[in-house]
Amino acid sequence: MTGMKDWTVVVPARADVKETARALLALADSPADVRTDGNGHEFLVPPYLADRYNESLRPKPRRRAKKDEEDE
């Protein structure tokens, strides 16, 4: 396990604290990997979880509908 100094701080907007907590816990290998800091308005997470969380925030590429040959 990595030391606490290797952990990443996640700072959500105040309105999104509960939503961020739920998302981090859903992505974590263990609930112990999500720790609160900053009076409960920041989260300390290990690097693997920070990567997963950042990846989950990226917009998914949109698929374009295939054109029918008749439309061309």
Protein backbone atom coordinates (compact mmCIF):
# COMPACT_ATOMS: atom_id res chain seq x y z
CA MET A 1 0.00 0.00 0.00
CA THR A 2 1.22 3.49 -0.75
CA GLY A 3 1.91 6.03 1.98
CA MET A 4 -0.52 8.86 2.63
CA LYS A 5 1.89 11.35 1.04
CA ASP A 6 1.29 9.59 -2.29
CA TRP A 7 -2.46 10.08 -2.10
CA THR A 8 -4.32 12.64 -4.21
CA VAL A 9 -6.70 15.31 -2.94
CA VAL A 10 -10.07 15.50 -4.71
CA VAL A 11 -11.88 18.80 -4.11
CA PRO A 12 -15.45 18.81 -5.43
CA ALA A 13 -17.70 21.84 -5.63
CA ARG A 14 -19.58 22.19 -2.34
CA ALA A 15 -22.86 21.24 -4.00
CA ASP A 16 -21.30 18.03 -5.36
CA VAL A 17 -19.72 16.62 -2.17
CA LYS A 18 -22.26 13.79 -1.68
CA GLU A 19 -22.27 12.91 -5.37
CA THR A 20 -18.46 12.85 -5.46
CA ALA A 21 -18.32 10.67 -2.34
CA ARG A 22 -20.72 8.17 -3.90
CA ALA A 23 -18.76 8.09 -7.16
CA LEU A 24 -15.42 7.60 -5.38
CA LEU A 25 -16.81 4.81 -3.19
CA ALA A 26 -18.30 3.06 -6.23
CA LEU A 27 -14.93 3.16 -8.04
CA ALA A 28 -12.77 2.19 -5.03
CA ASP A 29 -11.41 -1.30 -4.43
CA SER A 30 -12.14 -0.73 -0.73
CA PRO A 31 -14.14 1.92 1.15
CA ALA A 32 -10.98 2.50 3.22
CA ASP A 33 -9.43 4.02 0.08
CA VAL A 34 -11.71 7.07 0.35
CA ARG A 35 -10.84 9.36 3.24
CA THR A 36 -12.27 12.76 4.05
CA ASP A 37 -10.23 15.85 4.72
CA GLY A 38 -10.92 19.58 4.87
CA ASN A 39 -13.92 19.24 7.23
CA GLY A 40 -15.46 16.64 4.95
CA HIS A 41 -15.32 18.80 1.83
CA GLU A 42 -12.22 17.16 0.35
CA PHE A 43 -11.27 13.55 -0.23
CA LEU A 44 -7.90 11.81 -0.04
CA VAL A 45 -7.64 8.90 -2.46
CA PRO A 46 -4.81 6.66 -3.69
CA PRO A 47 -3.43 7.27 -7.19
CA TYR A 48 -5.32 4.35 -8.80
CA LEU A 49 -8.62 5.78 -7.59
CA ALA A 50 -7.78 9.33 -8.71
CA ASP A 51 -7.08 7.91 -12.19
CA ARG A 52 -10.37 5.98 -12.25
CA TYR A 53 -12.31 9.01 -11.06
CA ASN A 54 -10.75 11.33 -13.65
CA GLU A 55 -11.46 8.78 -16.37
CA SER A 56 -15.10 8.56 -15.27
CA LEU A 57 -15.45 12.35 -15.69
CA ARG A 58 -14.28 12.41 -19.30
CA PRO A 59 -17.08 12.70 -21.81
CA LYS A 60 -17.66 9.53 -23.75
CA PRO A 61 -17.20 9.83 -27.52
CA ARG A 62 -20.48 10.05 -29.36
CA ARG A 63 -21.21 7.63 -32.14
CA ARG A 64 -22.49 9.03 -35.36
CA ALA A 65 -25.44 7.38 -36.95
CA LYS A 66 -24.61 5.62 -40.17
CA LYS A 67 -26.12 7.23 -43.22
CA ASP A 68 -28.27 5.10 -45.40
CA GLU A 69 -27.10 4.78 -48.98
CA GLU A 70 -30.43 6.25 -50.08
CA ASP A 71 -29.67 9.52 -48.22
CA GLU A 72 -26.48 10.17 -50.21
